[in-house]
């Protein structure tokens, strides 16, 4: 039997004015800013239960632009379920955008048949407030996959809820990403 998703994780969308939208979701809607960078912000209604339900990214060039969806993300129960989705994505010939660890999750980003961005992800058990995205090979053993996840987590674990990474941490994340890209 093929893997299936167990629920909606979050929706990502592009915004034109990131500061305005951060203020709206934090101060008007009442959500908690959990992850932040110069180009994005993540919000949760309950950060202890869910890392984020909304991900917003700078980049919407016009409010009339109909392409505002950045991604629709859905959870899976296990690393093996994620592997099954990757296998089926490849078999169907869907466009794969990236497969990365965020330390808190491993995300498989691809396009549905109408080219909408989709993510299926598995929660690793780590809590990470860093916006981190490191390429990962999930065809390795479970132990090797988790060693790669743990490495990303160790670099990013000191990022505080709702705060950007320090320049030193951002440099370390960038170096790990470049190293992973060079070996893939």
N, C-alpha and C. Protein backbone atom coordinates (compact mmCIF):
# COMPACT_ATOMS: atom_id res chain seq x y z
N UNK A 1 0.84 -1.17 0.00
CA UNK A 1 0.00 0.00 0.00
C UNK A 1 0.89 1.24 0.00
N UNK A 2 0.52 2.24 -0.76
CA UNK A 2 1.29 3.48 -0.86
C UNK A 2 1.08 4.36 0.36
N UNK A 3 2.11 5.14 0.66
CA UNK A 3 2.01 6.11 1.75
C UNK A 3 0.97 7.16 1.42
N UNK A 4 0.42 7.78 2.45
CA UNK A 4 -0.51 8.89 2.26
C UNK A 4 -0.21 9.95 3.31
N UNK A 5 -0.65 11.15 3.05
CA UNK A 5 -0.43 12.23 4.01
C UNK A 5 -1.39 12.07 5.17
N UNK A 6 -1.01 12.65 6.33
CA UNK A 6 -1.88 12.55 7.50
C UNK A 6 -2.51 13.88 7.88
N UNK A 7 -2.26 14.90 7.08
CA UNK A 7 -2.90 16.19 7.34
C UNK A 7 -2.14 17.34 6.73
N UNK A 8 -2.80 18.48 6.71
CA UNK A 8 -2.17 19.69 6.23
C UNK A 8 -1.17 20.16 7.27
N UNK A 9 0.04 20.45 6.83
CA UNK A 9 1.06 20.96 7.73
C UNK A 9 1.02 22.47 7.76
N UNK A 10 1.15 23.09 6.61
CA UNK A 10 1.12 24.54 6.51
C UNK A 10 0.92 24.97 5.07
N UNK A 11 0.62 26.23 4.92
CA UNK A 11 0.54 26.81 3.58
C UNK A 11 1.56 27.93 3.53
N UNK A 12 2.23 28.03 2.41
CA UNK A 12 3.18 29.11 2.20
C UNK A 12 2.69 30.01 1.09
N UNK A 13 2.89 31.31 1.26
CA UNK A 13 2.50 32.23 0.21
C UNK A 13 3.48 33.39 0.11
N UNK A 14 3.51 33.99 -1.07
CA UNK A 14 4.37 35.14 -1.32
C UNK A 14 3.65 36.41 -0.91
N UNK A 15 4.40 37.34 -0.34
CA UNK A 15 3.84 38.62 0.06
C UNK A 15 4.65 39.75 -0.57
N UNK A 16 4.00 40.88 -0.72
CA UNK A 16 4.67 42.04 -1.29
C UNK A 16 5.36 42.85 -0.20
N UNK A 17 4.72 43.02 0.95
CA UNK A 17 5.27 43.81 2.05
C UNK A 17 5.39 42.91 3.28
N UNK A 18 6.56 42.30 3.43
CA UNK A 18 6.77 41.33 4.51
C UNK A 18 6.53 41.94 5.88
N UNK A 19 7.01 43.14 6.13
CA UNK A 19 6.84 43.77 7.45
C UNK A 19 5.37 44.01 7.77
N UNK A 20 4.60 44.48 6.79
CA UNK A 20 3.17 44.70 6.98
C UNK A 20 2.47 43.38 7.31
N UNK A 21 2.81 42.33 6.58
CA UNK A 21 2.16 41.04 6.79
C UNK A 21 2.58 40.40 8.11
N UNK A 22 3.83 40.57 8.50
CA UNK A 22 4.27 40.08 9.82
C UNK A 22 3.46 40.75 10.91
N UNK A 23 3.30 42.05 10.82
CA UNK A 23 2.52 42.80 11.81
C UNK A 23 1.07 42.30 11.84
N UNK A 24 0.46 42.08 10.68
CA UNK A 24 -0.92 41.61 10.62
C UNK A 24 -1.09 40.26 11.31
N UNK A 25 -0.24 39.28 10.93
CA UNK A 25 -0.42 37.93 11.48
C UNK A 25 -0.04 37.85 12.95
N UNK A 26 0.90 38.67 13.39
CA UNK A 26 1.30 38.64 14.79
C UNK A 26 0.36 39.47 15.67
N UNK A 27 0.09 40.70 15.27
CA UNK A 27 -0.63 41.62 16.15
C UNK A 27 -2.14 41.67 15.92
N UNK A 28 -2.61 41.42 14.73
CA UNK A 28 -4.05 41.42 14.47
C UNK A 28 -4.62 40.02 14.63
N UNK A 29 -4.01 39.03 13.97
CA UNK A 29 -4.51 37.66 14.03
C UNK A 29 -4.14 37.01 15.37
N UNK A 30 -2.96 37.35 15.92
CA UNK A 30 -2.55 36.83 17.22
C UNK A 30 -1.69 35.58 17.18
N UNK A 31 -1.07 35.32 16.05
CA UNK A 31 -0.19 34.16 15.95
C UNK A 31 1.20 34.51 16.47
N UNK A 32 2.01 33.50 16.72
CA UNK A 32 3.37 33.68 17.21
C UNK A 32 4.35 33.57 16.05
N UNK A 33 5.22 34.56 15.93
CA UNK A 33 6.29 34.51 14.95
C UNK A 33 7.30 33.49 15.45
N UNK A 34 7.52 32.41 14.69
CA UNK A 34 8.41 31.33 15.14
C UNK A 34 9.76 31.33 14.45
N UNK A 35 9.77 31.64 13.16
CA UNK A 35 11.01 31.65 12.38
C UNK A 35 11.02 32.91 11.54
N UNK A 36 12.20 33.54 11.42
CA UNK A 36 12.25 34.78 10.66
C UNK A 36 13.61 34.93 10.00
N UNK A 37 13.59 35.49 8.81
CA UNK A 37 14.81 35.87 8.10
C UNK A 37 14.48 37.12 7.31
N UNK A 38 15.45 37.65 6.61
CA UNK A 38 15.21 38.85 5.81
C UNK A 38 14.15 38.61 4.74
N UNK A 39 14.02 37.37 4.28
CA UNK A 39 13.11 37.08 3.18
C UNK A 39 11.87 36.29 3.55
N UNK A 40 11.68 35.98 4.83
CA UNK A 40 10.52 35.17 5.17
C UNK A 40 10.17 35.21 6.64
N UNK A 41 8.96 34.74 6.94
CA UNK A 41 8.48 34.67 8.32
C UNK A 41 7.51 33.50 8.44
N UNK A 42 7.61 32.77 9.54
CA UNK A 42 6.75 31.62 9.80
C UNK A 42 5.96 31.91 11.08
N UNK A 43 4.69 31.51 11.08
CA UNK A 43 3.80 31.77 12.21
C UNK A 43 3.09 30.50 12.66
N UNK A 44 2.85 30.42 13.97
CA UNK A 44 2.11 29.30 14.55
C UNK A 44 1.08 29.83 15.54
N UNK A 45 -0.07 29.19 15.58
CA UNK A 45 -1.06 29.50 16.59
C UNK A 45 -0.68 28.87 17.93
N UNK A 46 0.12 27.79 17.89
CA UNK A 46 0.55 27.08 19.09
C UNK A 46 1.93 26.48 18.84
N UNK A 47 3.01 27.25 19.06
CA UNK A 47 4.36 26.78 18.73
C UNK A 47 4.79 25.50 19.44
N UNK A 48 4.22 25.21 20.59
CA UNK A 48 4.59 23.96 21.27
C UNK A 48 4.00 22.75 20.57
N UNK A 49 2.89 22.93 19.90
CA UNK A 49 2.24 21.82 19.20
C UNK A 49 2.62 21.75 17.73
N UNK A 50 2.88 22.92 17.13
CA UNK A 50 3.13 22.96 15.68
C UNK A 50 4.12 24.07 15.37
N UNK A 51 5.18 23.71 14.73
CA UNK A 51 6.26 24.61 14.33
C UNK A 51 5.74 25.85 13.59
N UNK A 52 4.89 25.64 12.60
CA UNK A 52 4.26 26.74 11.88
C UNK A 52 3.11 26.22 11.03
N UNK A 53 2.11 27.07 10.88
CA UNK A 53 0.98 26.78 10.00
C UNK A 53 0.96 27.69 8.79
N UNK A 54 1.69 28.81 8.89
CA UNK A 54 1.79 29.76 7.79
C UNK A 54 3.27 30.06 7.56
N UNK A 55 3.68 30.02 6.31
CA UNK A 55 5.01 30.44 5.89
C UNK A 55 4.82 31.51 4.83
N UNK A 56 5.38 32.68 5.08
CA UNK A 56 5.27 33.73 4.06
C UNK A 56 6.66 34.13 3.60
N UNK A 57 6.78 34.36 2.31
CA UNK A 57 8.05 34.71 1.69
C UNK A 57 7.91 35.99 0.91
N UNK A 58 8.90 36.85 1.01
CA UNK A 58 8.93 38.05 0.18
C UNK A 58 9.04 37.62 -1.28
N UNK A 59 8.49 38.41 -2.18
CA UNK A 59 8.65 38.07 -3.58
C UNK A 59 7.42 38.28 -4.45
N UNK A 60 6.31 38.66 -3.86
CA UNK A 60 5.13 38.93 -4.67
C UNK A 60 5.30 40.33 -5.28
N UNK A 61 5.45 40.37 -6.58
CA UNK A 61 5.79 41.64 -7.23
C UNK A 61 4.61 42.58 -7.36
N UNK A 62 3.40 42.04 -7.34
CA UNK A 62 2.20 42.85 -7.52
C UNK A 62 1.04 42.18 -6.79
N UNK A 63 0.17 42.97 -6.22
CA UNK A 63 -1.01 42.41 -5.57
C UNK A 63 -1.97 41.82 -6.60
N UNK A 64 -1.79 42.15 -7.86
CA UNK A 64 -2.61 41.57 -8.93
C UNK A 64 -2.05 40.25 -9.45
N UNK A 65 -0.84 39.88 -8.99
CA UNK A 65 -0.19 38.64 -9.42
C UNK A 65 -0.97 37.44 -8.88
N UNK A 66 -1.51 36.60 -9.75
CA UNK A 66 -2.31 35.46 -9.27
C UNK A 66 -1.45 34.31 -8.73
N UNK A 67 -0.14 34.37 -8.90
CA UNK A 67 0.74 33.29 -8.46
C UNK A 67 1.31 33.60 -7.09
N UNK A 68 0.45 33.53 -6.08
CA UNK A 68 0.89 33.89 -4.73
C UNK A 68 1.17 32.68 -3.86
N UNK A 69 0.74 31.49 -4.26
CA UNK A 69 1.00 30.30 -3.46
C UNK A 69 2.47 29.92 -3.57
N UNK A 70 3.14 29.83 -2.44
CA UNK A 70 4.54 29.44 -2.40
C UNK A 70 4.63 27.92 -2.25
N UNK A 71 3.73 27.33 -1.45
CA UNK A 71 3.67 25.88 -1.32
C UNK A 71 2.47 25.47 -0.50
N UNK A 72 2.02 24.24 -0.73
CA UNK A 72 1.02 23.59 0.11
C UNK A 72 1.73 22.39 0.69
N UNK A 73 1.83 22.34 2.01
CA UNK A 73 2.64 21.32 2.68
C UNK A 73 1.78 20.38 3.51
N UNK A 74 2.09 19.08 3.38
CA UNK A 74 1.34 18.06 4.09
C UNK A 74 2.29 17.08 4.78
N UNK A 75 1.90 16.66 5.98
CA UNK A 75 2.73 15.76 6.79
C UNK A 75 2.55 14.30 6.38
N UNK A 76 3.63 13.53 6.59
CA UNK A 76 3.55 12.08 6.50
C UNK A 76 4.01 11.52 7.85
N UNK A 77 3.69 10.26 8.08
CA UNK A 77 3.95 9.65 9.39
C UNK A 77 5.39 9.20 9.61
N UNK A 78 6.11 8.87 8.54
CA UNK A 78 7.41 8.25 8.75
C UNK A 78 8.39 8.60 7.62
N UNK A 79 9.65 8.35 7.89
CA UNK A 79 10.68 8.52 6.88
C UNK A 79 10.42 7.57 5.71
N UNK A 80 9.97 6.37 6.00
CA UNK A 80 9.65 5.43 4.91
C UNK A 80 8.50 5.95 4.05
N UNK A 81 7.52 6.61 4.66
CA UNK A 81 6.44 7.21 3.87
C UNK A 81 7.00 8.29 2.94
N UNK A 82 7.93 9.08 3.45
CA UNK A 82 8.56 10.12 2.63
C UNK A 82 9.32 9.48 1.46
N UNK A 83 10.03 8.40 1.76
CA UNK A 83 10.74 7.67 0.70
C UNK A 83 9.77 7.15 -0.36
N UNK A 84 8.62 6.64 0.09
CA UNK A 84 7.61 6.14 -0.85
C UNK A 84 7.09 7.27 -1.74
N UNK A 85 6.83 8.43 -1.15
CA UNK A 85 6.39 9.56 -1.96
C UNK A 85 7.46 9.94 -2.98
N UNK A 86 8.71 10.00 -2.57
CA UNK A 86 9.79 10.35 -3.51
C UNK A 86 9.85 9.35 -4.66
N UNK A 87 9.74 8.07 -4.34
CA UNK A 87 9.76 7.04 -5.38
C UNK A 87 8.61 7.25 -6.36
N UNK A 88 7.42 7.51 -5.85
CA UNK A 88 6.26 7.69 -6.72
C UNK A 88 6.32 8.99 -7.51
N UNK A 89 6.89 10.04 -6.92
CA UNK A 89 7.10 11.30 -7.65
C UNK A 89 8.00 11.04 -8.85
N UNK A 90 9.09 10.32 -8.61
CA UNK A 90 10.02 9.97 -9.69
C UNK A 90 9.34 9.11 -10.75
N UNK A 91 8.58 8.10 -10.31
CA UNK A 91 7.90 7.21 -11.26
C UNK A 91 6.91 7.96 -12.14
N UNK A 92 6.19 8.92 -11.56
CA UNK A 92 5.20 9.69 -12.31
C UNK A 92 5.84 10.77 -13.18
N UNK A 93 7.12 11.06 -12.91
CA UNK A 93 7.80 12.09 -13.69
C UNK A 93 7.44 13.51 -13.27
N UNK A 94 6.91 13.65 -12.04
CA UNK A 94 6.62 14.99 -11.55
C UNK A 94 7.94 15.73 -11.32
N UNK A 95 7.92 17.02 -11.48
CA UNK A 95 9.11 17.83 -11.31
C UNK A 95 9.48 17.91 -9.82
N UNK A 96 10.71 17.50 -9.52
CA UNK A 96 11.21 17.58 -8.15
C UNK A 96 11.97 18.90 -8.01
N UNK A 97 11.56 19.72 -7.06
CA UNK A 97 12.24 21.00 -6.83
C UNK A 97 13.44 20.82 -5.90
N UNK A 98 13.22 20.11 -4.78
CA UNK A 98 14.31 19.89 -3.84
C UNK A 98 13.88 18.91 -2.76
N UNK A 99 14.87 18.31 -2.14
CA UNK A 99 14.67 17.40 -1.02
C UNK A 99 15.66 17.84 0.04
N UNK A 100 15.16 18.35 1.17
CA UNK A 100 16.03 19.01 2.15
C UNK A 100 15.64 18.67 3.58
N UNK A 101 16.62 18.85 4.48
CA UNK A 101 16.31 18.81 5.90
C UNK A 101 16.22 20.24 6.41
N UNK A 102 15.23 20.48 7.23
CA UNK A 102 15.05 21.75 7.93
C UNK A 102 15.44 21.58 9.40
N UNK A 103 16.10 20.48 9.72
CA UNK A 103 16.44 20.05 11.09
C UNK A 103 15.18 19.54 11.80
N UNK A 104 14.11 20.31 11.81
CA UNK A 104 12.87 19.87 12.45
C UNK A 104 12.06 18.93 11.55
N UNK A 105 12.35 18.94 10.28
CA UNK A 105 11.60 18.12 9.32
C UNK A 105 12.48 17.87 8.10
N UNK A 106 12.08 16.87 7.32
CA UNK A 106 12.66 16.65 6.00
C UNK A 106 11.54 16.89 5.02
N UNK A 107 11.78 17.80 4.08
CA UNK A 107 10.76 18.18 3.12
C UNK A 107 11.11 17.77 1.71
N UNK A 108 10.13 17.20 1.03
CA UNK A 108 10.26 16.81 -0.37
C UNK A 108 9.35 17.76 -1.16
N UNK A 109 9.96 18.66 -1.94
CA UNK A 109 9.25 19.69 -2.67
C UNK A 109 9.15 19.30 -4.15
N UNK A 110 7.94 19.32 -4.68
CA UNK A 110 7.72 18.92 -6.07
C UNK A 110 6.53 19.67 -6.63
N UNK A 111 6.21 19.40 -7.89
CA UNK A 111 5.08 20.07 -8.55
C UNK A 111 4.00 19.07 -8.87
N UNK A 112 2.75 19.46 -8.61
CA UNK A 112 1.63 18.60 -8.97
C UNK A 112 1.42 18.67 -10.49
N UNK A 113 0.46 17.91 -11.02
CA UNK A 113 0.28 17.89 -12.48
C UNK A 113 -0.02 19.24 -13.12
N UNK A 114 -0.51 20.23 -12.34
CA UNK A 114 -0.76 21.55 -12.90
C UNK A 114 0.32 22.56 -12.49
N UNK A 115 1.46 22.04 -12.03
CA UNK A 115 2.64 22.83 -11.69
C UNK A 115 2.51 23.64 -10.40
N UNK A 116 1.58 23.26 -9.52
CA UNK A 116 1.48 23.91 -8.22
C UNK A 116 2.55 23.34 -7.30
N UNK A 117 3.19 24.19 -6.49
CA UNK A 117 4.22 23.71 -5.58
C UNK A 117 3.63 22.96 -4.39
N UNK A 118 4.14 21.75 -4.15
CA UNK A 118 3.66 20.88 -3.08
C UNK A 118 4.86 20.43 -2.27
N UNK A 119 4.67 20.28 -0.97
CA UNK A 119 5.68 19.67 -0.10
C UNK A 119 5.02 18.55 0.69
N UNK A 120 5.69 17.41 0.77
CA UNK A 120 5.35 16.40 1.75
C UNK A 120 6.54 16.35 2.70
N UNK A 121 6.26 16.29 3.99
CA UNK A 121 7.35 16.35 4.95
C UNK A 121 7.13 15.40 6.12
N UNK A 122 8.26 15.02 6.72
CA UNK A 122 8.27 14.16 7.90
C UNK A 122 8.97 14.91 9.03
N UNK A 123 8.33 14.95 10.20
CA UNK A 123 8.91 15.60 11.37
C UNK A 123 9.99 14.71 11.98
N UNK A 124 11.17 15.28 12.21
CA UNK A 124 12.33 14.51 12.68
C UNK A 124 12.37 14.31 14.19
N UNK A 125 11.60 15.09 14.93
CA UNK A 125 11.64 15.01 16.39
C UNK A 125 12.44 16.15 17.01
N UNK A 126 13.14 16.92 16.20
CA UNK A 126 13.88 18.09 16.68
C UNK A 126 12.99 19.33 16.60
N UNK A 127 13.17 20.24 17.52
CA UNK A 127 12.54 21.55 17.43
C UNK A 127 13.61 22.53 16.98
N UNK A 128 13.39 23.16 15.85
CA UNK A 128 14.37 24.11 15.31
C UNK A 128 13.65 25.36 14.86
N UNK A 129 14.12 26.50 15.33
CA UNK A 129 13.51 27.78 14.95
C UNK A 129 14.30 28.47 13.85
N UNK A 130 15.28 27.83 13.30
CA UNK A 130 16.07 28.40 12.21
C UNK A 130 15.40 28.12 10.88
N UNK A 131 15.52 29.07 9.96
CA UNK A 131 15.11 28.78 8.58
C UNK A 131 16.34 28.15 7.93
N UNK A 132 16.32 26.83 7.87
CA UNK A 132 17.45 26.06 7.36
C UNK A 132 16.93 25.09 6.31
N UNK A 133 17.71 24.92 5.26
CA UNK A 133 17.28 24.06 4.15
C UNK A 133 18.54 23.44 3.54
N UNK A 134 18.86 22.22 3.98
CA UNK A 134 20.08 21.55 3.57
C UNK A 134 19.72 20.31 2.73
N UNK A 135 20.25 20.19 1.52
CA UNK A 135 19.97 18.99 0.71
C UNK A 135 20.31 17.71 1.48
N UNK A 136 19.48 16.70 1.29
CA UNK A 136 19.68 15.43 2.00
C UNK A 136 19.30 14.27 1.09
N UNK A 137 20.00 13.16 1.26
CA UNK A 137 19.72 11.94 0.51
C UNK A 137 18.96 10.99 1.44
N UNK A 138 17.67 10.80 1.19
CA UNK A 138 16.88 9.94 2.07
C UNK A 138 16.96 8.47 1.67
N UNK A 139 17.72 8.17 0.63
CA UNK A 139 17.92 6.77 0.25
C UNK A 139 19.02 6.11 1.09
N UNK A 140 19.69 6.89 1.91
CA UNK A 140 20.68 6.34 2.85
C UNK A 140 19.94 5.55 3.93
N UNK A 141 20.69 4.88 4.78
CA UNK A 141 20.09 4.20 5.93
C UNK A 141 19.43 5.23 6.84
N UNK A 142 18.50 4.78 7.66
CA UNK A 142 17.85 5.67 8.63
C UNK A 142 18.89 6.37 9.49
N UNK A 143 19.91 5.61 9.90
CA UNK A 143 20.95 6.17 10.77
C UNK A 143 21.73 7.27 10.07
N UNK A 144 22.07 7.07 8.79
CA UNK A 144 22.80 8.09 8.03
C UNK A 144 21.94 9.33 7.79
N UNK A 145 20.65 9.12 7.50
CA UNK A 145 19.74 10.25 7.33
C UNK A 145 19.68 11.06 8.62
N UNK A 146 19.49 10.37 9.74
CA UNK A 146 19.39 11.09 11.01
C UNK A 146 20.72 11.74 11.40
N UNK A 147 21.85 11.17 11.00
CA UNK A 147 23.14 11.82 11.25
C UNK A 147 23.20 13.15 10.50
N UNK A 148 22.71 13.19 9.26
CA UNK A 148 22.67 14.43 8.49
C UNK A 148 21.71 15.43 9.13
N UNK A 149 20.56 14.96 9.58
CA UNK A 149 19.59 15.83 10.26
C UNK A 149 20.20 16.39 11.54
N UNK A 150 20.84 15.51 12.31
CA UNK A 150 21.45 15.94 13.58
C UNK A 150 22.53 16.99 13.36
N UNK A 151 23.29 16.85 12.29
CA UNK A 151 24.32 17.83 11.97
C UNK A 151 23.69 19.20 11.71
N UNK A 152 22.61 19.22 10.94
CA UNK A 152 21.90 20.48 10.68
C UNK A 152 21.32 21.04 11.97
N UNK A 153 20.80 20.17 12.81
CA UNK A 153 20.21 20.62 14.07
C UNK A 153 21.28 21.22 14.99
N UNK A 154 22.43 20.58 15.08
CA UNK A 154 23.49 21.08 15.95
C UNK A 154 23.92 22.49 15.55
N UNK A 155 23.96 22.77 14.27
CA UNK A 155 24.35 24.09 13.79
C UNK A 155 23.27 25.13 14.10
N UNK A 156 22.01 24.73 14.01
CA UNK A 156 20.91 25.69 14.09
C UNK A 156 20.17 25.70 15.43
N UNK A 157 20.53 24.85 16.33
CA UNK A 157 19.75 24.67 17.57
C UNK A 157 19.71 25.90 18.47
N UNK A 158 20.65 26.82 18.31
CA UNK A 158 20.71 27.98 19.20
C UNK A 158 19.86 29.15 18.72
N UNK A 159 19.24 29.01 17.54
CA UNK A 159 18.37 30.07 17.05
C UNK A 159 17.11 30.09 17.92
N UNK A 160 16.79 31.28 18.42
CA UNK A 160 15.65 31.42 19.33
C UNK A 160 14.34 31.61 18.57
N UNK A 161 13.26 31.22 19.20
CA UNK A 161 11.91 31.38 18.66
C UNK A 161 11.72 32.83 18.20
N UNK A 162 11.34 32.99 16.93
CA UNK A 162 11.01 34.30 16.40
C UNK A 162 12.18 35.23 16.16
N UNK A 163 13.41 34.71 16.28
CA UNK A 163 14.60 35.53 16.07
C UNK A 163 15.37 35.03 14.85
N UNK A 164 16.04 35.93 14.14
CA UNK A 164 16.88 35.48 13.03
C UNK A 164 18.14 34.80 13.55
N UNK A 165 18.75 34.01 12.72
CA UNK A 165 20.02 33.37 13.06
C UNK A 165 21.09 34.45 13.19
N UNK A 166 22.03 34.24 14.09
CA UNK A 166 23.16 35.16 14.19
C UNK A 166 23.97 35.06 12.90
N UNK A 167 24.77 36.07 12.61
CA UNK A 167 25.61 35.97 11.40
C UNK A 167 26.50 34.72 11.41
N UNK A 168 27.03 34.35 12.57
CA UNK A 168 27.87 33.16 12.66
C UNK A 168 27.09 31.89 12.34
N UNK A 169 25.89 31.78 12.89
CA UNK A 169 25.05 30.62 12.61
C UNK A 169 24.63 30.60 11.15
N UNK A 170 24.27 31.76 10.61
CA UNK A 170 23.89 31.84 9.19
C UNK A 170 25.05 31.40 8.30
N UNK A 171 26.27 31.80 8.65
CA UNK A 171 27.45 31.38 7.89
C UNK A 171 27.65 29.86 7.98
N UNK A 172 27.47 29.30 9.17
CA UNK A 172 27.62 27.85 9.36
C UNK A 172 26.56 27.08 8.57
N UNK A 173 25.33 27.59 8.56
CA UNK A 173 24.25 26.97 7.79
C UNK A 173 24.59 27.02 6.30
N UNK A 174 25.04 28.18 5.83
CA UNK A 174 25.43 28.33 4.42
C UNK A 174 26.55 27.37 4.04
N UNK A 175 27.54 27.22 4.92
CA UNK A 175 28.66 26.30 4.65
C UNK A 175 28.19 24.86 4.57
N UNK A 176 27.28 24.46 5.49
CA UNK A 176 26.74 23.10 5.47
C UNK A 176 25.94 22.87 4.20
N UNK A 177 25.16 23.85 3.79
CA UNK A 177 24.37 23.75 2.55
C UNK A 177 25.29 23.58 1.34
N UNK A 178 26.34 24.40 1.27
CA UNK A 178 27.29 24.31 0.14
C UNK A 178 27.99 22.95 0.13
N UNK A 179 28.35 22.47 1.30
CA UNK A 179 28.99 21.15 1.40
C UNK A 179 28.04 20.05 0.91
N UNK A 180 26.79 20.13 1.34
CA UNK A 180 25.80 19.12 0.92
C UNK A 180 25.56 19.20 -0.59
N UNK A 181 25.49 20.39 -1.14
CA UNK A 181 25.28 20.55 -2.59
C UNK A 181 26.47 19.98 -3.36
N UNK A 182 27.66 20.14 -2.83
CA UNK A 182 28.87 19.66 -3.51
C UNK A 182 28.95 18.14 -3.53
N UNK A 183 28.32 17.48 -2.56
CA UNK A 183 28.38 16.02 -2.48
C UNK A 183 27.18 15.33 -3.12
N UNK A 184 26.19 16.07 -3.59
CA UNK A 184 24.98 15.47 -4.18
C UNK A 184 25.10 15.39 -5.68
